[in-house]
Amino acid sequence: MPKYLIEASYSAEGAKGIMKRGGTARRAEVQKMVESLGGRLDAFYFVFGENDVHVILDLPENLTAAAISLAVMSTGAARTKTTVLLTPEEIDQAVKRPVDYEPPAIAAGN
């Protein structure tokens, strides 16, 4: 299953929810949501800095990741950024895949 890194930043309302119910309740809710979609919660961490949470999920495919992102952001409680994670083995496969590409500078006759 593909892995995804979700970086989330809570709005003021989202932060109030965390303060009211706590971090373990938030993790449990995310885990329940992900498992109901056929995925698995790999990691859930609260972090300092620009984001408030980093989550790593195993999901069936990109459509599931998009559905989660839309559902979360539509509440207004958090802003998310989703990054597809690739294993070193997947990169090994990618570098072996032939790609017919010509850079723009060469194509323009420069």
PDB file of N, CA and C in Angstrom:
ATOM      1  N   MET A   1       0.834  -1.175   0.000  1.00  0.00           N
ATOM      2  CA  MET A   1       0.000   0.000   0.000  1.00  0.00           C
ATOM      3  C   MET A   1       0.885   1.246   0.000  1.00  0.00           C
ATOM      4  N   PRO A   2       0.519   2.251  -0.773  1.00  0.00           N
ATOM      5  CA  PRO A   2       1.290   3.499  -0.764  1.00  0.00           C
ATOM      6  C   PRO A   2       1.241   4.177   0.607  1.00  0.00           C
ATOM      7  N   LYS A   3       2.337   4.881   0.908  1.00  0.00           N
ATOM      8  CA  LYS A   3       2.420   5.635   2.168  1.00  0.00           C
ATOM      9  C   LYS A   3       2.312   7.126   1.870  1.00  0.00           C
ATOM     10  N   TYR A   4       1.691   7.833   2.801  1.00  0.00           N
ATOM     11  CA  TYR A   4       1.480   9.270   2.668  1.00  0.00           C
ATOM     12  C   TYR A   4       1.864   9.962   3.972  1.00  0.00           C
ATOM     13  N   LEU A   5       2.535  11.105   3.838  1.00  0.00           N
ATOM     14  CA  LEU A   5       2.816  11.972   4.966  1.00  0.00           C
ATOM     15  C   LEU A   5       1.778  13.085   4.940  1.00  0.00           C
ATOM     16  N   ILE A   6       1.026  13.214   6.009  1.00  0.00           N
ATOM     17  CA  ILE A   6       0.063  14.291   6.148  1.00  0.00           C
ATOM     18  C   ILE A   6       0.616  15.260   7.181  1.00  0.00           C
ATOM     19  N   GLU A   7       0.796  16.515   6.781  1.00  0.00           N
ATOM     20  CA  GLU A   7       1.202  17.570   7.696  1.00  0.00           C
ATOM     21  C   GLU A   7      -0.031  18.430   7.925  1.00  0.00           C
ATOM     22  N   ALA A   8      -0.394  18.639   9.172  1.00  0.00           N
ATOM     23  CA  ALA A   8      -1.603  19.395   9.479  1.00  0.00           C
ATOM     24  C   ALA A   8      -1.299  20.537  10.433  1.00  0.00           C
ATOM     25  N   SER A   9      -2.011  21.636  10.211  1.00  0.00           N
ATOM     26  CA  SER A   9      -1.960  22.789  11.104  1.00  0.00           C
ATOM     27  C   SER A   9      -3.384  23.066  11.552  1.00  0.00           C
ATOM     28  N   TYR A  10      -3.587  23.128  12.847  1.00  0.00           N
ATOM     29  CA  TYR A  10      -4.924  23.356  13.384  1.00  0.00           C
ATOM     30  C   TYR A  10      -5.302  24.828  13.339  1.00  0.00           C
ATOM     31  N   SER A  11      -6.571  25.092  13.069  1.00  0.00           N
ATOM     32  CA  SER A  11      -7.124  26.438  13.228  1.00  0.00           C
ATOM     33  C   SER A  11      -7.327  26.656  14.725  1.00  0.00           C
ATOM     34  N   ALA A  12      -7.750  27.851  15.097  1.00  0.00           N
ATOM     35  CA  ALA A  12      -8.030  28.118  16.509  1.00  0.00           C
ATOM     36  C   ALA A  12      -9.098  27.163  17.034  1.00  0.00           C
ATOM     37  N   GLU A  13     -10.119  26.910  16.223  1.00  0.00           N
ATOM     38  CA  GLU A  13     -11.183  25.988  16.650  1.00  0.00           C
ATOM     39  C   GLU A  13     -10.650  24.565  16.792  1.00  0.00           C
ATOM     40  N   GLY A  14      -9.794  24.149  15.859  1.00  0.00           N
ATOM     41  CA  GLY A  14      -9.200  22.815  15.945  1.00  0.00           C
ATOM     42  C   GLY A  14      -8.344  22.660  17.189  1.00  0.00           C
ATOM     43  N   ALA A  15      -7.573  23.698  17.510  1.00  0.00           N
ATOM     44  CA  ALA A  15      -6.734  23.664  18.712  1.00  0.00           C
ATOM     45  C   ALA A  15      -7.588  23.573  19.973  1.00  0.00           C
ATOM     46  N   LYS A  16      -8.727  24.263  19.969  1.00  0.00           N
ATOM     47  CA  LYS A  16      -9.635  24.172  21.119  1.00  0.00           C
ATOM     48  C   LYS A  16     -10.141  22.747  21.297  1.00  0.00           C
ATOM     49  N   GLY A  17     -10.399  22.062  20.180  1.00  0.00           N
ATOM     50  CA  GLY A  17     -10.827  20.664  20.253  1.00  0.00           C
ATOM     51  C   GLY A  17      -9.753  19.770  20.846  1.00  0.00           C
ATOM     52  N   ILE A  18      -8.502  20.000  20.468  1.00  0.00           N
ATOM     53  CA  ILE A  18      -7.387  19.223  21.030  1.00  0.00           C
ATOM     54  C   ILE A  18      -7.286  19.479  22.526  1.00  0.00           C
ATOM     55  N   MET A  19      -7.404  20.735  22.933  1.00  0.00           N
ATOM     56  CA  MET A  19      -7.307  21.062  24.358  1.00  0.00           C
ATOM     57  C   MET A  19      -8.451  20.434  25.148  1.00  0.00           C
ATOM     58  N   LYS A  20      -9.609  20.322  24.548  1.00  0.00           N
ATOM     59  CA  LYS A  20     -10.768  19.760  25.237  1.00  0.00           C
ATOM     60  C   LYS A  20     -10.692  18.238  25.351  1.00  0.00           C
ATOM     61  N   ARG A  21     -10.322  17.557  24.240  1.00  0.00           N
ATOM     62  CA  ARG A  21     -10.375  16.088  24.216  1.00  0.00           C
ATOM     63  C   ARG A  21      -9.017  15.415  24.328  1.00  0.00           C
ATOM     64  N   GLY A  22      -7.938  16.148  24.029  1.00  0.00           N
ATOM     65  CA  GLY A  22      -6.598  15.582  24.172  1.00  0.00           C
ATOM     66  C   GLY A  22      -6.053  14.950  22.901  1.00  0.00           C
ATOM     67  N   GLY A  23      -4.758  14.701  22.925  1.00  0.00           N
ATOM     68  CA  GLY A  23      -4.041  14.154  21.776  1.00  0.00           C
ATOM     69  C   GLY A  23      -4.363  12.706  21.468  1.00  0.00           C
ATOM     70  N   THR A  24      -4.525  11.885  22.496  1.00  0.00           N
ATOM     71  CA  THR A  24      -4.805  10.462  22.232  1.00  0.00           C
ATOM     72  C   THR A  24      -6.187  10.287  21.612  1.00  0.00           C
ATOM     73  N   ALA A  25      -7.134  11.138  21.974  1.00  0.00           N
ATOM     74  CA  ALA A  25      -8.470  11.061  21.363  1.00  0.00           C
ATOM     75  C   ALA A  25      -8.393  11.431  19.887  1.00  0.00           C
ATOM     76  N   ARG A  26      -7.561  12.410  19.541  1.00  0.00           N
ATOM     77  CA  ARG A  26      -7.414  12.828  18.140  1.00  0.00           C
ATOM     78  C   ARG A  26      -6.791  11.698  17.340  1.00  0.00           C
ATOM     79  N   ARG A  27      -5.733  11.068  17.899  1.00  0.00           N
ATOM     80  CA  ARG A  27      -5.095   9.941  17.213  1.00  0.00           C
ATOM     81  C   ARG A  27      -6.091   8.812  17.003  1.00  0.00           C
ATOM     82  N   ALA A  28      -6.888   8.491  18.011  1.00  0.00           N
ATOM     83  CA  ALA A  28      -7.879   7.417  17.897  1.00  0.00           C
ATOM     84  C   ALA A  28      -8.907   7.726  16.810  1.00  0.00           C
ATOM     85  N   GLU A  29      -9.321   8.981  16.714  1.00  0.00           N
ATOM     86  CA  GLU A  29     -10.297   9.372  15.690  1.00  0.00           C
ATOM     87  C   GLU A  29      -9.710   9.240  14.292  1.00  0.00           C
ATOM     88  N   VAL A  30      -8.459   9.659  14.120  1.00  0.00           N
ATOM     89  CA  VAL A  30      -7.783   9.525  12.826  1.00  0.00           C
ATOM     90  C   VAL A  30      -7.626   8.051  12.469  1.00  0.00           C
ATOM     91  N   GLN A  31      -7.223   7.242  13.442  1.00  0.00           N
ATOM     92  CA  GLN A  31      -7.053   5.812  13.195  1.00  0.00           C
ATOM     93  C   GLN A  31      -8.372   5.171  12.763  1.00  0.00           C
ATOM     94  N   LYS A  32      -9.454   5.504  13.431  1.00  0.00           N
ATOM     95  CA  LYS A  32     -10.776   4.976  13.086  1.00  0.00           C
ATOM     96  C   LYS A  32     -11.154   5.353  11.655  1.00  0.00           C
ATOM     97  N   MET A  33     -10.946   6.616  11.293  1.00  0.00           N
ATOM     98  CA  MET A  33     -11.264   7.088   9.947  1.00  0.00           C
ATOM     99  C   MET A  33     -10.454   6.337   8.893  1.00  0.00           C
ATOM    100  N   VAL A  34      -9.148   6.234   9.119  1.00  0.00           N
ATOM    101  CA  VAL A  34      -8.253   5.599   8.149  1.00  0.00           C
ATOM    102  C   VAL A  34      -8.594   4.118   7.983  1.00  0.00           C
ATOM    103  N   GLU A  35      -8.813   3.429   9.080  1.00  0.00           N
ATOM    104  CA  GLU A  35      -9.142   1.998   9.003  1.00  0.00           C
ATOM    105  C   GLU A  35     -10.485   1.766   8.309  1.00  0.00           C
ATOM    106  N   SER A  36     -11.438   2.687   8.478  1.00  0.00           N
ATOM    107  CA  SER A  36     -12.733   2.536   7.808  1.00  0.00           C
ATOM    108  C   SER A  36     -12.605   2.662   6.294  1.00  0.00           C
ATOM    109  N   LEU A  37     -11.491   3.244   5.835  1.00  0.00           N
ATOM    110  CA  LEU A  37     -11.240   3.406   4.401  1.00  0.00           C
ATOM    111  C   LEU A  37     -10.257   2.363   3.873  1.00  0.00           C
ATOM    112  N   GLY A  38      -9.961   1.359   4.678  1.00  0.00           N
ATOM    113  CA  GLY A  38      -9.068   0.288   4.240  1.00  0.00           C
ATOM    114  C   GLY A  38      -7.594   0.591   4.405  1.00  0.00           C
ATOM    115  N   GLY A  39      -7.269   1.621   5.197  1.00  0.00           N
ATOM    116  CA  GLY A  39      -5.879   1.993   5.403  1.00  0.00           C
ATOM    117  C   GLY A  39      -5.393   1.653   6.795  1.00  0.00           C
ATOM    118  N   ARG A  40      -4.178   2.144   7.086  1.00  0.00           N
ATOM    119  CA  ARG A  40      -3.570   1.885   8.389  1.00  0.00           C
ATOM    120  C   ARG A  40      -2.812   3.127   8.831  1.00  0.00           C
ATOM    121  N   LEU A  41      -2.963   3.483  10.105  1.00  0.00           N
ATOM    122  CA  LEU A  41      -2.208   4.585  10.698  1.00  0.00           C
ATOM    123  C   LEU A  41      -0.836   4.048  11.076  1.00  0.00           C
ATOM    124  N   ASP A  42       0.211   4.564  10.443  1.00  0.00           N
ATOM    125  CA  ASP A  42       1.573   4.114  10.694  1.00  0.00           C
ATOM    126  C   ASP A  42       2.221   4.925  11.817  1.00  0.00           C
ATOM    127  N   ALA A  43       1.984   6.244  11.825  1.00  0.00           N
ATOM    128  CA  ALA A  43       2.576   7.107  12.856  1.00  0.00           C
ATOM    129  C   ALA A  43       1.725   8.359  13.000  1.00  0.00           C
ATOM    130  N   PHE A  44       1.675   8.890  14.223  1.00  0.00           N
ATOM    131  CA  PHE A  44       0.932  10.122  14.521  1.00  0.00           C
ATOM    132  C   PHE A  44       1.721  10.878  15.569  1.00  0.00           C
ATOM    133  N   TYR A  45       2.245  12.036  15.187  1.00  0.00           N
ATOM    134  CA  TYR A  45       3.054  12.832  16.102  1.00  0.00           C
ATOM    135  C   TYR A  45       2.610  14.286  16.106  1.00  0.00           C
ATOM    136  N   PHE A  46       2.525  14.873  17.288  1.00  0.00           N
ATOM    137  CA  PHE A  46       2.384  16.312  17.411  1.00  0.00           C
ATOM    138  C   PHE A  46       3.781  16.891  17.307  1.00  0.00           C
ATOM    139  N   VAL A  47       3.916  18.044  16.643  1.00  0.00           N
ATOM    140  CA  VAL A  47       5.235  18.633  16.391  1.00  0.00           C
ATOM    141  C   VAL A  47       5.215  20.127  16.683  1.00  0.00           C
ATOM    142  N   PHE A  48       6.402  20.684  16.909  1.00  0.00           N
ATOM    143  CA  PHE A  48       6.572  22.130  17.040  1.00  0.00           C
ATOM    144  C   PHE A  48       6.843  22.702  15.658  1.00  0.00           C
ATOM    145  N   GLY A  49       6.539  23.968  15.472  1.00  0.00           N
ATOM    146  CA  GLY A  49       6.895  24.638  14.222  1.00  0.00           C
ATOM    147  C   GLY A  49       5.681  25.032  13.409  1.00  0.00           C
ATOM    148  N   GLU A  50       5.881  25.096  12.113  1.00  0.00           N
ATOM    149  CA  GLU A  50       4.839  25.542  11.190  1.00  0.00           C
ATOM    150  C   GLU A  50       3.603  24.644  11.232  1.00  0.00           C
ATOM    151  N   ASN A  51       3.811  23.354  11.420  1.00  0.00           N
ATOM    152  CA  ASN A  51       2.712  22.392  11.500  1.00  0.00           C
ATOM    153  C   ASN A  51       2.502  21.951  12.937  1.00  0.00           C
ATOM    154  N   ASP A  52       1.336  21.374  13.179  1.00  0.00           N
ATOM    155  CA  ASP A  52       1.005  20.885  14.516  1.00  0.00           C
ATOM    156  C   ASP A  52       1.077  19.368  14.619  1.00  0.00           C
ATOM    157  N   VAL A  53       0.875  18.691  13.485  1.00  0.00           N
ATOM    158  CA  VAL A  53       0.810  17.226  13.471  1.00  0.00           C
ATOM    159  C   VAL A  53       1.472  16.694  12.211  1.00  0.00           C
ATOM    160  N   HIS A  54       2.206  15.591  12.354  1.00  0.00           N
ATOM    161  CA  HIS A  54       2.701  14.811  11.221  1.00  0.00           C
ATOM    162  C   HIS A  54       2.140  13.402  11.368  1.00  0.00           C
ATOM    163  N   VAL A  55       1.491  12.935  10.307  1.00  0.00           N
ATOM    164  CA  VAL A  55       0.861  11.617  10.318  1.00  0.00           C
ATOM    165  C   VAL A  55       1.363  10.843   9.109  1.00  0.00           C
ATOM    166  N   ILE A  56       1.713   9.581   9.293  1.00  0.00           N
ATOM    167  CA  ILE A  56       2.067   8.717   8.174  1.00  0.00           C
ATOM    168  C   ILE A  56       0.995   7.642   8.071  1.00  0.00           C
ATOM    169  N   LEU A  57       0.418   7.546   6.868  1.00  0.00           N
ATOM    170  CA  LEU A  57      -0.680   6.611   6.617  1.00  0.00           C
ATOM    171  C   LEU A  57      -0.322   5.653   5.503  1.00  0.00           C
ATOM    172  N   ASP A  58      -0.781   4.412   5.625  1.00  0.00           N
ATOM    173  CA  ASP A  58      -0.798   3.458   4.525  1.00  0.00           C
ATOM    174  C   ASP A  58      -2.222   3.493   3.992  1.00  0.00           C
ATOM    175  N   LEU A  59      -2.369   3.865   2.717  1.00  0.00           N
ATOM    176  CA  LEU A  59      -3.700   3.979   2.127  1.00  0.00           C
ATOM    177  C   LEU A  59      -3.779   3.193   0.834  1.00  0.00           C
ATOM    178  N   PRO A  60      -4.977   2.743   0.462  1.00  0.00           N
ATOM    179  CA  PRO A  60      -5.115   1.933  -0.752  1.00  0.00           C
ATOM    180  C   PRO A  60      -4.627   2.636  -2.018  1.00  0.00           C
ATOM    181  N   GLU A  61      -4.887   3.948  -2.154  1.00  0.00           N
ATOM    182  CA  GLU A  61      -4.485   4.659  -3.360  1.00  0.00           C
ATOM    183  C   GLU A  61      -4.705   6.159  -3.179  1.00  0.00           C
ATOM    184  N   ASN A  62      -4.362   6.938  -4.218  1.00  0.00           N
ATOM    185  CA  ASN A  62      -4.434   8.394  -4.158  1.00  0.00           C
ATOM    186  C   ASN A  62      -5.840   8.925  -3.913  1.00  0.00           C
ATOM    187  N   LEU A  63      -6.867   8.278  -4.462  1.00  0.00           N
ATOM    188  CA  LEU A  63      -8.236   8.760  -4.263  1.00  0.00           C
ATOM    189  C   LEU A  63      -8.614   8.764  -2.788  1.00  0.00           C
ATOM    190  N   THR A  64      -8.172   7.770  -2.052  1.00  0.00           N
ATOM    191  CA  THR A  64      -8.448   7.722  -0.615  1.00  0.00           C
ATOM    192  C   THR A  64      -7.736   8.864   0.096  1.00  0.00           C
ATOM    193  N   ALA A  65      -6.484   9.128  -0.286  1.00  0.00           N
ATOM    194  CA  ALA A  65      -5.744  10.245   0.306  1.00  0.00           C
ATOM    195  C   ALA A  65      -6.446  11.570   0.010  1.00  0.00           C
ATOM    196  N   ALA A  66      -6.930  11.733  -1.215  1.00  0.00           N
ATOM    197  CA  ALA A  66      -7.635  12.961  -1.583  1.00  0.00           C
ATOM    198  C   ALA A  66      -8.937  13.099  -0.800  1.00  0.00           C
ATOM    199  N   ALA A  67      -9.663  12.003  -0.635  1.00  0.00           N
ATOM    200  CA  ALA A  67     -10.926  12.037   0.117  1.00  0.00           C
ATOM    201  C   ALA A  67     -10.688  12.451   1.562  1.00  0.00           C
ATOM    202  N   ILE A  68      -9.631  11.922   2.177  1.00  0.00           N
ATOM    203  CA  ILE A  68      -9.294  12.286   3.558  1.00  0.00           C
ATOM    204  C   ILE A  68      -8.956  13.772   3.629  1.00  0.00           C
ATOM    205  N   SER A  69      -8.125  14.244   2.723  1.00  0.00           N
ATOM    206  CA  SER A  69      -7.729  15.641   2.716  1.00  0.00           C
ATOM    207  C   SER A  69      -8.940  16.560   2.593  1.00  0.00           C
ATOM    208  N   LEU A  70      -9.825  16.259   1.669  1.00  0.00           N
ATOM    209  CA  LEU A  70     -11.019  17.087   1.475  1.00  0.00           C
ATOM    210  C   LEU A  70     -11.926  17.063   2.702  1.00  0.00           C
ATOM    211  N   ALA A  71     -12.104  15.883   3.281  1.00  0.00           N
ATOM    212  CA  ALA A  71     -12.969  15.764   4.460  1.00  0.00           C
ATOM    213  C   ALA A  71     -12.420  16.578   5.628  1.00  0.00           C
ATOM    214  N   VAL A  72     -11.118  16.489   5.858  1.00  0.00           N
ATOM    215  CA  VAL A  72     -10.499  17.209   6.975  1.00  0.00           C
ATOM    216  C   VAL A  72     -10.549  18.714   6.736  1.00  0.00           C
ATOM    217  N   MET A  73     -10.138  19.147   5.548  1.00  0.00           N
ATOM    218  CA  MET A  73     -10.084  20.586   5.285  1.00  0.00           C
ATOM    219  C   MET A  73     -11.467  21.209   5.221  1.00  0.00           C
ATOM    220  N   SER A  74     -12.474  20.460   4.829  1.00  0.00           N
ATOM    221  CA  SER A  74     -13.827  21.020   4.722  1.00  0.00           C
ATOM    222  C   SER A  74     -14.405  21.404   6.082  1.00  0.00           C
ATOM    223  N   THR A  75     -13.858  20.867   7.166  1.00  0.00           N
ATOM    224  CA  THR A  75     -14.348  21.212   8.497  1.00  0.00           C
ATOM    225  C   THR A  75     -13.839  22.571   8.962  1.00  0.00           C
ATOM    226  N   GLY A  76     -12.735  23.028   8.374  1.00  0.00           N
ATOM    227  CA  GLY A  76     -12.130  24.282   8.818  1.00  0.00           C
ATOM    228  C   GLY A  76     -11.291  24.140  10.079  1.00  0.00           C
ATOM    229  N   ALA A  77     -11.217  22.934  10.643  1.00  0.00           N
ATOM    230  CA  ALA A  77     -10.473  22.719  11.883  1.00  0.00           C
ATOM    231  C   ALA A  77      -8.975  22.562  11.649  1.00  0.00           C
ATOM    232  N   ALA A  78      -8.588  22.227  10.408  1.00  0.00           N
ATOM    233  CA  ALA A  78      -7.174  22.026  10.113  1.00  0.00           C
ATOM    234  C   ALA A  78      -6.904  22.279   8.633  1.00  0.00           C
ATOM    235  N   ARG A  79      -5.681  22.689   8.350  1.00  0.00           N
ATOM    236  CA  ARG A  79      -5.173  22.807   6.988  1.00  0.00           C
ATOM    237  C   ARG A  79      -4.185  21.650   6.820  1.00  0.00           C
ATOM    238  N   THR A  80      -4.236  20.952   5.690  1.00  0.00           N
ATOM    239  CA  THR A  80      -3.357  19.801   5.504  1.00  0.00           C
ATOM    240  C   THR A  80      -2.523  19.920   4.239  1.00  0.00           C
ATOM    241  N   LYS A  81      -1.413  19.215   4.257  1.00  0.00           N
ATOM    242  CA  LYS A  81      -0.564  19.039   3.083  1.00  0.00           C
ATOM    243  C   LYS A  81      -0.248  17.554   3.019  1.00  0.00           C
ATOM    244  N   THR A  82      -0.461  16.950   1.858  1.00  0.00           N
ATOM    245  CA  THR A  82      -0.238  15.513   1.689  1.00  0.00           C
ATOM    246  C   THR A  82       0.943  15.292   0.757  1.00  0.00           C
ATOM    247  N   THR A  83       1.869  14.448   1.179  1.00  0.00           N
ATOM    248  CA  THR A  83       3.040  14.099   0.380  1.00  0.00           C
ATOM    249  C   THR A  83       3.077  12.588   0.204  1.00  0.00           C
ATOM    250  N   VAL A  84       3.209  12.141  -1.040  1.00  0.00           N
ATOM    251  CA  VAL A  84       3.360  10.710  -1.303  1.00  0.00           C
ATOM    252  C   VAL A  84       4.789  10.315  -0.926  1.00  0.00           C
ATOM    253  N   LEU A  85       4.929   9.244  -0.163  1.00  0.00           N
ATOM    254  CA  LEU A  85       6.241   8.754   0.258  1.00  0.00           C
ATOM    255  C   LEU A  85       6.628   7.555  -0.602  1.00  0.00           C
ATOM    256  N   LEU A  86       7.861   7.543  -1.072  1.00  0.00           N
ATOM    257  CA  LEU A  86       8.364   6.445  -1.893  1.00  0.00           C
ATOM    258  C   LEU A  86       9.501   5.734  -1.165  1.00  0.00           C
ATOM    259  N   THR A  87       9.522   4.418  -1.243  1.00  0.00           N
ATOM    260  CA  THR A  87      10.588   3.635  -0.633  1.00  0.00           C
ATOM    261  C   THR A  87      11.828   3.669  -1.531  1.00  0.00           C
ATOM    262  N   PRO A  88      12.995   3.341  -0.986  1.00  0.00           N
ATOM    263  CA  PRO A  88      14.181   3.238  -1.824  1.00  0.00           C
ATOM    264  C   PRO A  88      13.993   2.210  -2.953  1.00  0.00           C
ATOM    265  N   GLU A  89      13.264   1.138  -2.676  1.00  0.00           N
ATOM    266  CA  GLU A  89      13.011   0.124  -3.707  1.00  0.00           C
ATOM    267  C   GLU A  89      12.155   0.676  -4.845  1.00  0.00           C
ATOM    268  N   GLU A  90      11.197   1.534  -4.509  1.00  0.00           N
ATOM    269  CA  GLU A  90      10.380   2.150  -5.557  1.00  0.00           C
ATOM    270  C   GLU A  90      11.219   3.087  -6.426  1.00  0.00           C
ATOM    271  N   ILE A  91      12.149   3.793  -5.808  1.00  0.00           N
ATOM    272  CA  ILE A  91      13.052   4.653  -6.580  1.00  0.00           C
ATOM    273  C   ILE A  91      13.939   3.802  -7.479  1.00  0.00           C
ATOM    274  N   ASP A  92      14.403   2.641  -6.982  1.00  0.00           N
ATOM    275  CA  ASP A  92      15.178   1.725  -7.829  1.00  0.00           C
ATOM    276  C   ASP A  92      14.390   1.342  -9.073  1.00  0.00           C
ATOM    277  N   GLN A  93      13.101   1.072  -8.908  1.00  0.00           N
ATOM    278  CA  GLN A  93      12.248   0.737 -10.050  1.00  0.00           C
ATOM    279  C   GLN A  93      12.074   1.941 -10.973  1.00  0.00           C
ATOM    280  N   ALA A  94      11.921   3.120 -10.390  1.00  0.00           N
ATOM    281  CA  ALA A  94      11.702   4.328 -11.190  1.00  0.00           C
ATOM    282  C   ALA A  94      12.907   4.649 -12.074  1.00  0.00           C
ATOM    283  N   VAL A  95      14.120   4.503 -11.537  1.00  0.00           N
ATOM    284  CA  VAL A  95      15.297   4.850 -12.343  1.00  0.00           C
ATOM    285  C   VAL A  95      15.510   3.865 -13.490  1.00  0.00           C
ATOM    286  N   LYS A  96      14.907   2.689 -13.404  1.00  0.00           N
ATOM    287  CA  LYS A  96      15.019   1.692 -14.473  1.00  0.00           C
ATOM    288  C   LYS A  96      13.955   1.872 -15.561  1.00  0.00           C
ATOM    289  N   ARG A  97      12.959   2.706 -15.297  1.00  0.00           N
ATOM    290  CA  ARG A  97      11.877   2.921 -16.256  1.00  0.00           C
ATOM    291  C   ARG A  97      12.336   3.912 -17.321  1.00  0.00           C
ATOM    292  N   PRO A  98      12.312   3.499 -18.598  1.00  0.00           N
ATOM    293  CA  PRO A  98      12.736   4.425 -19.653  1.00  0.00           C
ATOM    294  C   PRO A  98      11.749   5.581 -19.827  1.00  0.00           C
ATOM    295  N   VAL A  99      12.306   6.775 -19.968  1.00  0.00           N
ATOM    296  CA  VAL A  99      11.504   7.973 -20.171  1.00  0.00           C
ATOM    297  C   VAL A  99      12.071   8.729 -21.356  1.00  0.00           C
ATOM    298  N   ASP A 100      11.246   9.001 -22.348  1.00  0.00           N
ATOM    299  CA  ASP A 100      11.659   9.765 -23.521  1.00  0.00           C
ATOM    300  C   ASP A 100      11.333  11.231 -23.262  1.00  0.00           C
ATOM    301  N   TYR A 101      12.347  11.992 -22.860  1.00  0.00           N
ATOM    302  CA  TYR A 101      12.145  13.394 -22.502  1.00  0.00           C
ATOM    303  C   TYR A 101      13.272  14.230 -23.075  1.00  0.00           C
ATOM    304  N   GLU A 102      12.911  15.385 -23.625  1.00  0.00           N
ATOM    305  CA  GLU A 102      13.906  16.320 -24.133  1.00  0.00           C
ATOM    306  C   GLU A 102      13.699  17.652 -23.411  1.00  0.00           C
ATOM    307  N   PRO A 103      14.734  18.190 -22.758  1.00  0.00           N
ATOM    308  CA  PRO A 103      14.588  19.466 -22.047  1.00  0.00           C
ATOM    309  C   PRO A 103      14.183  20.582 -22.998  1.00  0.00           C
ATOM    310  N   PRO A 104      13.472  21.595 -22.489  1.00  0.00           N
ATOM    311  CA  PRO A 104      13.017  22.695 -23.332  1.00  0.00           C
ATOM    312  C   PRO A 104      14.140  23.416 -24.080  1.00  0.00           C
ATOM    313  N   ALA A 105      15.290  23.645 -23.463  1.00  0.00           N
ATOM    314  CA  ALA A 105      16.378  24.364 -24.118  1.00  0.00           C
ATOM    315  C   ALA A 105      16.855  23.606 -25.349  1.00  0.00           C
ATOM    316  N   ILE A 106      16.925  22.286 -25.282  1.00  0.00           N
ATOM    317  CA  ILE A 106      17.369  21.486 -26.412  1.00  0.00           C
ATOM    318  C   ILE A 106      16.284  21.459 -27.502  1.00  0.00           C
ATOM    319  N   ALA A 107      15.040  21.339 -27.078  1.00  0.00           N
ATOM    320  CA  ALA A 107      13.921  21.277 -28.014  1.00  0.00           C
ATOM    321  C   ALA A 107      13.780  22.590 -28.796  1.00  0.00           C
ATOM    322  N   ALA A 108      14.171  23.712 -28.184  1.00  0.00           N
ATOM    323  CA  ALA A 108      14.049  25.016 -28.834  1.00  0.00           C
ATOM    324  C   ALA A 108      15.214  25.298 -29.762  1.00  0.00           C
ATOM    325  N   GLY A 109      16.156  24.369 -29.855  1.00  0.00           N
ATOM    326  CA  GLY A 109      17.292  24.533 -30.746  1.00  0.00           C
ATOM    327  C   GLY A 109      18.460  25.298 -30.152  1.00  0.00           C
ATOM    328  N   ASN A 110      18.473  25.482 -28.844  1.00  0.00           N
ATOM    329  CA  ASN A 110      19.569  26.203 -28.183  1.00  0.00           C
ATOM    330  C   ASN A 110      20.731  25.308 -27.874  1.00  0.00           C
TER     331      ASN A 110
END
